[in-house]
Amino acid sequence: AMSKAFTSETEPQGASRCPTCGRPGVRVEAVTVEA
């Protein structure tokens, strides 16, 4: 319930959760998203 304003863009991999389903995400490099 904490506001996203208090989160960091450099949040560790284990803490990244999908904003819709809440499941943990898999960190990807920019090259993957760009492709």
Full PDB file with SEQRES, HELIX, SHEET, SSBOND, CRYST1, ORIGX, SCALE, CONECT and MASTER records, all heavy atoms in Angstrom:
SEQRES   1 A   35  ALA MET SER LYS ALA PHE THR SER GLU THR GLU PRO GLN          
SEQRES   2 A   35  GLY ALA SER ARG CYS PRO THR CYS GLY ARG PRO GLY VAL          
SEQRES   3 A   35  ARG VAL GLU ALA VAL THR VAL GLU ALA                          
HELIX    1 AA1 LYS A    4  PHE A    6  5                                   3    
HELIX    2 AA2 GLN A   13  ALA A   15  5                                   3    
HELIX    3 AA3 ALA A   30  GLU A   34  1                                   5    
CRYST1    1.000    1.000    1.000  90.00  90.00  90.00 P 1           1          
ORIGX1      1.000000  0.000000  0.000000        0.00000                         
ORIGX2      0.000000  1.000000  0.000000        0.00000                         
ORIGX3      0.000000  0.000000  1.000000        0.00000                         
SCALE1      1.000000  0.000000  0.000000        0.00000                         
SCALE2      0.000000  1.000000  0.000000        0.00000                         
SCALE3      0.000000  0.000000  1.000000        0.00000                         
ATOM      1  N   ALA A   1       0.805  -1.218   0.000  1.00  0.00           N  
ATOM      2  CA  ALA A   1       0.000   0.000   0.000  1.00  0.00           C  
ATOM      3  C   ALA A   1       0.840   1.272   0.000  1.00  0.00           C  
ATOM      4  O   ALA A   1       0.303   2.347  -0.135  1.00  0.00           O  
ATOM      5  CB  ALA A   1      -0.922   0.009   1.222  1.00  0.00           C  
ATOM      6  N   MET A   2       2.157   1.166   0.128  1.00  0.00           N  
ATOM      7  CA  MET A   2       2.999   2.356   0.139  1.00  0.00           C  
ATOM      8  C   MET A   2       2.989   3.016  -1.227  1.00  0.00           C  
ATOM      9  O   MET A   2       3.009   2.353  -2.246  1.00  0.00           O  
ATOM     10  CB  MET A   2       4.431   2.015   0.530  1.00  0.00           C  
ATOM     11  CG  MET A   2       5.299   3.263   0.682  1.00  0.00           C  
ATOM     12  SD  MET A   2       6.998   2.903   1.117  1.00  0.00           S  
ATOM     13  CE  MET A   2       6.785   2.272   2.750  1.00  0.00           C  
ATOM     14  N   SER A   3       2.951   4.309  -1.229  1.00  0.00           N  
ATOM     15  CA  SER A   3       2.943   5.075  -2.469  1.00  0.00           C  
ATOM     16  C   SER A   3       4.169   4.771  -3.302  1.00  0.00           C  
ATOM     17  O   SER A   3       5.264   4.602  -2.789  1.00  0.00           O  
ATOM     18  CB  SER A   3       2.918   6.567  -2.146  1.00  0.00           C  
ATOM     19  OG  SER A   3       3.194   7.319  -3.296  1.00  0.00           O  
ATOM     20  N   LYS A   4       3.997   4.706  -4.613  1.00  0.00           N  
ATOM     21  CA  LYS A   4       5.104   4.491  -5.519  1.00  0.00           C  
ATOM     22  C   LYS A   4       6.087   5.657  -5.482  1.00  0.00           C  
ATOM     23  O   LYS A   4       7.221   5.536  -5.906  1.00  0.00           O  
ATOM     24  CB  LYS A   4       4.595   4.258  -6.932  1.00  0.00           C  
ATOM     25  CG  LYS A   4       3.887   2.938  -7.068  1.00  0.00           C  
ATOM     26  CD  LYS A   4       3.664   2.619  -8.516  1.00  0.00           C  
ATOM     27  CE  LYS A   4       2.794   1.432  -8.759  1.00  0.00           C  
ATOM     28  NZ  LYS A   4       3.006   0.272  -8.010  1.00  0.00           N  
ATOM     29  N   ALA A   5       5.669   6.796  -4.945  1.00  0.00           N  
ATOM     30  CA  ALA A   5       6.563   7.944  -4.822  1.00  0.00           C  
ATOM     31  C   ALA A   5       7.733   7.638  -3.889  1.00  0.00           C  
ATOM     32  O   ALA A   5       8.774   8.274  -3.970  1.00  0.00           O  
ATOM     33  CB  ALA A   5       5.799   9.155  -4.305  1.00  0.00           C  
ATOM     34  N   PHE A   6       7.590   6.639  -3.015  1.00  0.00           N  
ATOM     35  CA  PHE A   6       8.648   6.301  -2.077  1.00  0.00           C  
ATOM     36  C   PHE A   6       9.494   5.123  -2.539  1.00  0.00           C  
ATOM     37  O   PHE A   6      10.346   4.650  -1.813  1.00  0.00           O  
ATOM     38  CB  PHE A   6       8.050   5.987  -0.699  1.00  0.00           C  
ATOM     39  CG  PHE A   6       7.410   7.179  -0.076  1.00  0.00           C  
ATOM     40  CD1 PHE A   6       6.038   7.308  -0.080  1.00  0.00           C  
ATOM     41  CD2 PHE A   6       8.183   8.192   0.476  1.00  0.00           C  
ATOM     42  CE1 PHE A   6       5.444   8.417   0.478  1.00  0.00           C  
ATOM     43  CE2 PHE A   6       7.594   9.301   1.044  1.00  0.00           C  
ATOM     44  CZ  PHE A   6       6.219   9.424   1.033  1.00  0.00           C  
ATOM     45  N   THR A   7       9.265   4.627  -3.751  1.00  0.00           N  
ATOM     46  CA  THR A   7      10.072   3.526  -4.258  1.00  0.00           C  
ATOM     47  C   THR A   7      11.176   4.080  -5.133  1.00  0.00           C  
ATOM     48  O   THR A   7      11.107   5.191  -5.619  1.00  0.00           O  
ATOM     49  CB  THR A   7       9.223   2.522  -5.079  1.00  0.00           C  
ATOM     50  OG1 THR A   7       8.691   3.191  -6.204  1.00  0.00           O  
ATOM     51  CG2 THR A   7       8.147   1.900  -4.239  1.00  0.00           C  
ATOM     52  N   SER A   8      12.186   3.288  -5.339  1.00  0.00           N  
ATOM     53  CA  SER A   8      13.342   3.707  -6.128  1.00  0.00           C  
ATOM     54  C   SER A   8      13.354   2.976  -7.460  1.00  0.00           C  
ATOM     55  O   SER A   8      12.987   1.817  -7.536  1.00  0.00           O  
ATOM     56  CB  SER A   8      14.615   3.366  -5.355  1.00  0.00           C  
ATOM     57  OG  SER A   8      15.736   3.409  -6.178  1.00  0.00           O  
ATOM     58  N   GLU A   9      13.824   3.643  -8.503  1.00  0.00           N  
ATOM     59  CA  GLU A   9      13.954   2.978  -9.798  1.00  0.00           C  
ATOM     60  C   GLU A   9      15.063   1.948  -9.766  1.00  0.00           C  
ATOM     61  O   GLU A   9      15.188   1.157 -10.667  1.00  0.00           O  
ATOM     62  CB  GLU A   9      14.206   4.008 -10.906  1.00  0.00           C  
ATOM     63  CG  GLU A   9      12.931   4.696 -11.303  1.00  0.00           C  
ATOM     64  CD  GLU A   9      12.906   5.071 -12.763  1.00  0.00           C  
ATOM     65  OE1 GLU A   9      13.194   4.206 -13.601  1.00  0.00           O  
ATOM     66  OE2 GLU A   9      12.580   6.211 -13.041  1.00  0.00           O  
ATOM     67  N   THR A  10      15.893   1.955  -8.739  1.00  0.00           N  
ATOM     68  CA  THR A  10      16.971   0.988  -8.629  1.00  0.00           C  
ATOM     69  C   THR A  10      16.621  -0.091  -7.607  1.00  0.00           C  
ATOM     70  O   THR A  10      17.487  -0.669  -6.983  1.00  0.00           O  
ATOM     71  CB  THR A  10      18.292   1.680  -8.249  1.00  0.00           C  
ATOM     72  OG1 THR A  10      18.108   2.363  -7.026  1.00  0.00           O  
ATOM     73  CG2 THR A  10      18.747   2.624  -9.334  1.00  0.00           C  
ATOM     74  N   GLU A  11      15.348  -0.368  -7.452  1.00  0.00           N  
ATOM     75  CA  GLU A  11      14.863  -1.386  -6.522  1.00  0.00           C  
ATOM     76  C   GLU A  11      15.505  -2.727  -6.875  1.00  0.00           C  
ATOM     77  O   GLU A  11      15.639  -3.067  -8.043  1.00  0.00           O  
ATOM     78  CB  GLU A  11      13.343  -1.469  -6.687  1.00  0.00           C  
ATOM     79  CG  GLU A  11      12.659  -2.344  -5.688  1.00  0.00           C  
ATOM     80  CD  GLU A  11      11.144  -2.240  -5.832  1.00  0.00           C  
ATOM     81  OE1 GLU A  11      10.641  -1.315  -6.458  1.00  0.00           O  
ATOM     82  OE2 GLU A  11      10.484  -3.119  -5.310  1.00  0.00           O  
ATOM     83  N   PRO A  12      15.936  -3.508  -5.891  1.00  0.00           N  
ATOM     84  CA  PRO A  12      16.572  -4.785  -6.185  1.00  0.00           C  
ATOM     85  C   PRO A  12      15.644  -5.721  -6.936  1.00  0.00           C  
ATOM     86  O   PRO A  12      14.426  -5.646  -6.809  1.00  0.00           O  
ATOM     87  CB  PRO A  12      16.898  -5.364  -4.803  1.00  0.00           C  
ATOM     88  CG  PRO A  12      16.488  -4.372  -3.801  1.00  0.00           C  
ATOM     89  CD  PRO A  12      15.810  -3.237  -4.490  1.00  0.00           C  
ATOM     90  N   GLN A  13      16.240  -6.627  -7.709  1.00  0.00           N  
ATOM     91  CA  GLN A  13      15.480  -7.554  -8.554  1.00  0.00           C  
ATOM     92  C   GLN A  13      14.376  -8.255  -7.785  1.00  0.00           C  
ATOM     93  O   GLN A  13      13.263  -8.342  -8.245  1.00  0.00           O  
ATOM     94  CB  GLN A  13      16.431  -8.569  -9.203  1.00  0.00           C  
ATOM     95  CG  GLN A  13      15.782  -9.825  -9.739  1.00  0.00           C  
ATOM     96  CD  GLN A  13      14.676  -9.591 -10.737  1.00  0.00           C  
ATOM     97  OE1 GLN A  13      14.669  -8.592 -11.432  1.00  0.00           O  
ATOM     98  NE2 GLN A  13      13.740 -10.494 -10.814  1.00  0.00           N  
ATOM     99  N   GLY A  14      14.652  -8.778  -6.635  1.00  0.00           N  
ATOM    100  CA  GLY A  14      13.663  -9.543  -5.895  1.00  0.00           C  
ATOM    101  C   GLY A  14      12.445  -8.736  -5.476  1.00  0.00           C  
ATOM    102  O   GLY A  14      11.414  -9.293  -5.156  1.00  0.00           O  
ATOM    103  N   ALA A  15      12.551  -7.420  -5.445  1.00  0.00           N  
ATOM    104  CA  ALA A  15      11.452  -6.592  -4.970  1.00  0.00           C  
ATOM    105  C   ALA A  15      10.545  -6.108  -6.093  1.00  0.00           C  
ATOM    106  O   ALA A  15       9.493  -5.560  -5.834  1.00  0.00           O  
ATOM    107  CB  ALA A  15      11.999  -5.393  -4.212  1.00  0.00           C  
ATOM    108  N   SER A  16      10.931  -6.280  -7.362  1.00  0.00           N  
ATOM    109  CA  SER A  16      10.109  -5.821  -8.479  1.00  0.00           C  
ATOM    110  C   SER A  16       8.910  -6.742  -8.679  1.00  0.00           C  
ATOM    111  O   SER A  16       9.071  -7.921  -8.954  1.00  0.00           O  
ATOM    112  CB  SER A  16      10.922  -5.794  -9.771  1.00  0.00           C  
ATOM    113  OG  SER A  16      11.632  -4.613  -9.865  1.00  0.00           O  
ATOM    114  N   ARG A  17       7.727  -6.172  -8.526  1.00  0.00           N  
ATOM    115  CA  ARG A  17       6.499  -6.944  -8.700  1.00  0.00           C  
ATOM    116  C   ARG A  17       5.637  -6.281  -9.749  1.00  0.00           C  
ATOM    117  O   ARG A  17       5.568  -5.054  -9.839  1.00  0.00           O  
ATOM    118  CB  ARG A  17       5.744  -7.050  -7.384  1.00  0.00           C  
ATOM    119  CG  ARG A  17       6.512  -7.860  -6.363  1.00  0.00           C  
ATOM    120  CD  ARG A  17       5.630  -8.254  -5.193  1.00  0.00           C  
ATOM    121  NE  ARG A  17       6.295  -9.235  -4.373  1.00  0.00           N  
ATOM    122  CZ  ARG A  17       6.221 -10.561  -4.576  1.00  0.00           C  
ATOM    123  NH1 ARG A  17       5.503 -11.049  -5.525  1.00  0.00           N  
ATOM    124  NH2 ARG A  17       6.867 -11.383  -3.777  1.00  0.00           N  
ATOM    125  N   CYS A  18       4.960  -7.095 -10.527  1.00  0.00           N  
ATOM    126  CA  CYS A  18       4.078  -6.595 -11.578  1.00  0.00           C  
ATOM    127  C   CYS A  18       2.996  -5.711 -10.956  1.00  0.00           C  
ATOM    128  O   CYS A  18       2.363  -6.112  -9.979  1.00  0.00           O  
ATOM    129  CB  CYS A  18       3.445  -7.761 -12.321  1.00  0.00           C  
ATOM    130  SG  CYS A  18       2.216  -7.253 -13.552  1.00  0.00           S  
ATOM    131  N   PRO A  19       2.758  -4.539 -11.526  1.00  0.00           N  
ATOM    132  CA  PRO A  19       1.748  -3.645 -10.960  1.00  0.00           C  
ATOM    133  C   PRO A  19       0.323  -4.153 -11.138  1.00  0.00           C  
ATOM    134  O   PRO A  19      -0.585  -3.685 -10.459  1.00  0.00           O  
ATOM    135  CB  PRO A  19       1.965  -2.338 -11.724  1.00  0.00           C  
ATOM    136  CG  PRO A  19       2.615  -2.733 -12.999  1.00  0.00           C  
ATOM    137  CD  PRO A  19       3.431  -3.951 -12.683  1.00  0.00           C  
ATOM    138  N   THR A  20       0.116  -5.132 -11.997  1.00  0.00           N  
ATOM    139  CA  THR A  20      -1.232  -5.655 -12.235  1.00  0.00           C  
ATOM    140  C   THR A  20      -1.506  -6.943 -11.470  1.00  0.00           C  
ATOM    141  O   THR A  20      -2.485  -7.045 -10.750  1.00  0.00           O  
ATOM    142  CB  THR A  20      -1.465  -5.868 -13.740  1.00  0.00           C  
ATOM    143  OG1 THR A  20      -1.329  -4.608 -14.394  1.00  0.00           O  
ATOM    144  CG2 THR A  20      -2.852  -6.429 -14.027  1.00  0.00           C  
ATOM    145  N   CYS A  21      -0.618  -7.944 -11.605  1.00  0.00           N  
ATOM    146  CA  CYS A  21      -0.879  -9.232 -10.954  1.00  0.00           C  
ATOM    147  C   CYS A  21      -0.123  -9.407  -9.646  1.00  0.00           C  
ATOM    148  O   CYS A  21      -0.431 -10.307  -8.870  1.00  0.00           O  
ATOM    149  CB  CYS A  21      -0.566 -10.389 -11.898  1.00  0.00           C  
ATOM    150  SG  CYS A  21       1.197 -10.648 -12.207  1.00  0.00           S  
ATOM    151  N   GLY A  22       0.890  -8.576  -9.380  1.00  0.00           N  
ATOM    152  CA  GLY A  22       1.641  -8.643  -8.139  1.00  0.00           C  
ATOM    153  C   GLY A  22       2.715  -9.707  -8.085  1.00  0.00           C  
ATOM    154  O   GLY A  22       3.413  -9.834  -7.081  1.00  0.00           O  
ATOM    155  N   ARG A  23       2.883 -10.467  -9.166  1.00  0.00           N  
ATOM    156  CA  ARG A  23       3.906 -11.506  -9.156  1.00  0.00           C  
ATOM    157  C   ARG A  23       5.291 -10.903  -9.395  1.00  0.00           C  
ATOM    158  O   ARG A  23       5.409  -9.868 -10.042  1.00  0.00           O  
ATOM    159  CB  ARG A  23       3.608 -12.547 -10.220  1.00  0.00           C  
ATOM    160  CG  ARG A  23       2.362 -13.340  -9.867  1.00  0.00           C  
ATOM    161  CD  ARG A  23       2.062 -14.304 -10.927  1.00  0.00           C  
ATOM    162  NE  ARG A  23       2.219 -15.646 -10.427  1.00  0.00           N  
ATOM    163  CZ  ARG A  23       1.995 -16.709 -11.165  1.00  0.00           C  
ATOM    164  NH1 ARG A  23       1.656 -16.584 -12.425  1.00  0.00           N  
ATOM    165  NH2 ARG A  23       2.124 -17.898 -10.657  1.00  0.00           N  
ATOM    166  N   PRO A  24       6.337 -11.563  -8.913  1.00  0.00           N  
ATOM    167  CA  PRO A  24       7.690 -11.045  -9.138  1.00  0.00           C  
ATOM    168  C   PRO A  24       8.020 -11.023 -10.630  1.00  0.00           C  
ATOM    169  O   PRO A  24       7.660 -11.939 -11.374  1.00  0.00           O  
ATOM    170  CB  PRO A  24       8.594 -12.046  -8.419  1.00  0.00           C  
ATOM    171  CG  PRO A  24       7.714 -12.799  -7.501  1.00  0.00           C  
ATOM    172  CD  PRO A  24       6.337 -12.777  -8.099  1.00  0.00           C  
ATOM    173  N   GLY A  25       8.710  -9.978 -11.028  1.00  0.00           N  
ATOM    174  CA  GLY A  25       9.151  -9.859 -12.410  1.00  0.00           C  
ATOM    175  C   GLY A  25      10.559 -10.386 -12.580  1.00  0.00           C  
ATOM    176  O   GLY A  25      11.260 -10.652 -11.611  1.00  0.00           O  
ATOM    177  N   VAL A  26      10.961 -10.533 -13.837  1.00  0.00           N  
ATOM    178  CA  VAL A  26      12.303 -10.969 -14.190  1.00  0.00           C  
ATOM    179  C   VAL A  26      13.003  -9.762 -14.797  1.00  0.00           C  
ATOM    180  O   VAL A  26      12.585  -9.263 -15.843  1.00  0.00           O  
ATOM    181  CB  VAL A  26      12.261 -12.128 -15.215  1.00  0.00           C  
ATOM    182  CG1 VAL A  26      13.669 -12.522 -15.632  1.00  0.00           C  
ATOM    183  CG2 VAL A  26      11.489 -13.307 -14.659  1.00  0.00           C  
ATOM    184  N   ARG A  27      14.051  -9.271 -14.131  1.00  0.00           N  
ATOM    185  CA  ARG A  27      14.750  -8.096 -14.618  1.00  0.00           C  
ATOM    186  C   ARG A  27      15.352  -8.388 -15.989  1.00  0.00           C  
ATOM    187  O   ARG A  27      15.917  -9.451 -16.206  1.00  0.00           O  
ATOM    188  CB  ARG A  27      15.857  -7.680 -13.658  1.00  0.00           C  
ATOM    189  CG  ARG A  27      16.435  -6.337 -14.039  1.00  0.00           C  
ATOM    190  CD  ARG A  27      17.547  -5.917 -13.097  1.00  0.00           C  
ATOM    191  NE  ARG A  27      18.074  -4.629 -13.426  1.00  0.00           N  
ATOM    192  CZ  ARG A  27      18.732  -4.331 -14.548  1.00  0.00           C  
ATOM    193  NH1 ARG A  27      18.922  -5.232 -15.467  1.00  0.00           N  
ATOM    194  NH2 ARG A  27      19.192  -3.106 -14.755  1.00  0.00           N  
ATOM    195  N   VAL A  28      15.208  -7.435 -16.908  1.00  0.00           N  
ATOM    196  CA  VAL A  28      15.746  -7.580 -18.257  1.00  0.00           C  
ATOM    197  C   VAL A  28      16.623  -6.384 -18.605  1.00  0.00           C  
ATOM    198  O   VAL A  28      16.450  -5.293 -18.076  1.00  0.00           O  
ATOM    199  CB  VAL A  28      14.634  -7.743 -19.321  1.00  0.00           C  
ATOM    200  CG1 VAL A  28      13.853  -9.021 -19.105  1.00  0.00           C  
ATOM    201  CG2 VAL A  28      13.702  -6.553 -19.326  1.00  0.00           C  
ATOM    202  N   GLU A  29      17.536  -6.608 -19.513  1.00  0.00           N  
ATOM    203  CA  GLU A  29      18.414  -5.546 -19.999  1.00  0.00           C  
ATOM    204  C   GLU A  29      17.674  -4.734 -21.053  1.00  0.00           C  
ATOM    205  O   GLU A  29      16.723  -5.215 -21.690  1.00  0.00           O  
ATOM    206  CB  GLU A  29      19.688  -6.146 -20.594  1.00  0.00           C  
ATOM    207  CG  GLU A  29      20.524  -6.927 -19.598  1.00  0.00           C  
ATOM    208  CD  GLU A  29      21.057  -6.064 -18.468  1.00  0.00           C  
ATOM    209  OE1 GLU A  29      21.398  -4.892 -18.714  1.00  0.00           O  
ATOM    210  OE2 GLU A  29      21.123  -6.570 -17.329  1.00  0.00           O  
ATOM    211  N   ALA A  30      18.139  -3.525 -21.275  1.00  0.00           N  
ATOM    212  CA  ALA A  30      17.519  -2.630 -22.260  1.00  0.00           C  
ATOM    213  C   ALA A  30      17.512  -3.238 -23.658  1.00  0.00           C  
ATOM    214  O   ALA A  30      16.557  -3.055 -24.407  1.00  0.00           O  
ATOM    215  CB  ALA A  30      18.248  -1.284 -22.268  1.00  0.00           C  
ATOM    216  N   VAL A  31      18.548  -4.000 -24.006  1.00  0.00           N  
ATOM    217  CA  VAL A  31      18.631  -4.592 -25.350  1.00  0.00           C  
ATOM    218  C   VAL A  31      17.438  -5.514 -25.622  1.00  0.00           C  
ATOM    219  O   VAL A  31      16.945  -5.585 -26.749  1.00  0.00           O  
ATOM    220  CB  VAL A  31      19.984  -5.320 -25.553  1.00  0.00           C  
ATOM    221  CG1 VAL A  31      20.104  -6.534 -24.652  1.00  0.00           C  
ATOM    222  CG2 VAL A  31      20.193  -5.689 -26.998  1.00  0.00           C  
ATOM    223  N   THR A  32      16.955  -6.198 -24.594  1.00  0.00           N  
ATOM    224  CA  THR A  32      15.813  -7.104 -24.750  1.00  0.00           C  
ATOM    225  C   THR A  32      14.545  -6.311 -25.058  1.00  0.00           C  
ATOM    226  O   THR A  32      13.827  -6.622 -26.012  1.00  0.00           O  
ATOM    227  CB  THR A  32      15.612  -7.935 -23.468  1.00  0.00           C  
ATOM    228  OG1 THR A  32      16.816  -8.657 -23.191  1.00  0.00           O  
ATOM    229  CG2 THR A  32      14.453  -8.900 -23.612  1.00  0.00           C  
ATOM    230  N   VAL A  33      14.286  -5.294 -24.275  1.00  0.00           N  
ATOM    231  CA  VAL A  33      13.082  -4.475 -24.478  1.00  0.00           C  
ATOM    232  C   VAL A  33      13.153  -3.764 -25.830  1.00  0.00           C  
ATOM    233  O   VAL A  33      12.169  -3.713 -26.566  1.00  0.00           O  
ATOM    234  CB  VAL A  33      12.903  -3.468 -23.326  1.00  0.00           C  
ATOM    235  CG1 VAL A  33      11.659  -2.616 -23.525  1.00  0.00           C  
ATOM    236  CG2 VAL A  33      12.813  -4.207 -21.996  1.00  0.00           C  
ATOM    237  N   GLU A  34      14.314  -3.245 -26.188  1.00  0.00           N  
ATOM    238  CA  GLU A  34      14.474  -2.558 -27.467  1.00  0.00           C  
ATOM    239  C   GLU A  34      14.213  -3.488 -28.645  1.00  0.00           C  
ATOM    240  O   GLU A  34      13.664  -3.073 -29.661  1.00  0.00           O  
ATOM    241  CB  GLU A  34      15.872  -1.951 -27.570  1.00  0.00           C  
ATOM    242  CG  GLU A  34      16.073  -0.778 -26.638  1.00  0.00           C  
ATOM    243  CD  GLU A  34      17.521  -0.364 -26.507  1.00  0.00           C  
ATOM    244  OE1 GLU A  34      18.394  -0.892 -27.235  1.00  0.00           O  
ATOM    245  OE2 GLU A  34      17.795   0.502 -25.654  1.00  0.00           O  
ATOM    246  N   ALA A  35      14.595  -4.758 -28.509  1.00  0.00           N  
ATOM    247  CA  ALA A  35      14.407  -5.720 -29.592  1.00  0.00           C  
ATOM    248  C   ALA A  35      12.956  -6.183 -29.735  1.00  0.00           C  
ATOM    249  O   ALA A  35      12.523  -6.535 -30.830  1.00  0.00           O  
ATOM    250  CB  ALA A  35      15.306  -6.936 -29.378  1.00  0.00           C  
TER     251      ALA A  35                                                      
MASTER        0    0    0    3    0    0    0    6  250    1    0    3          
END                                                                             
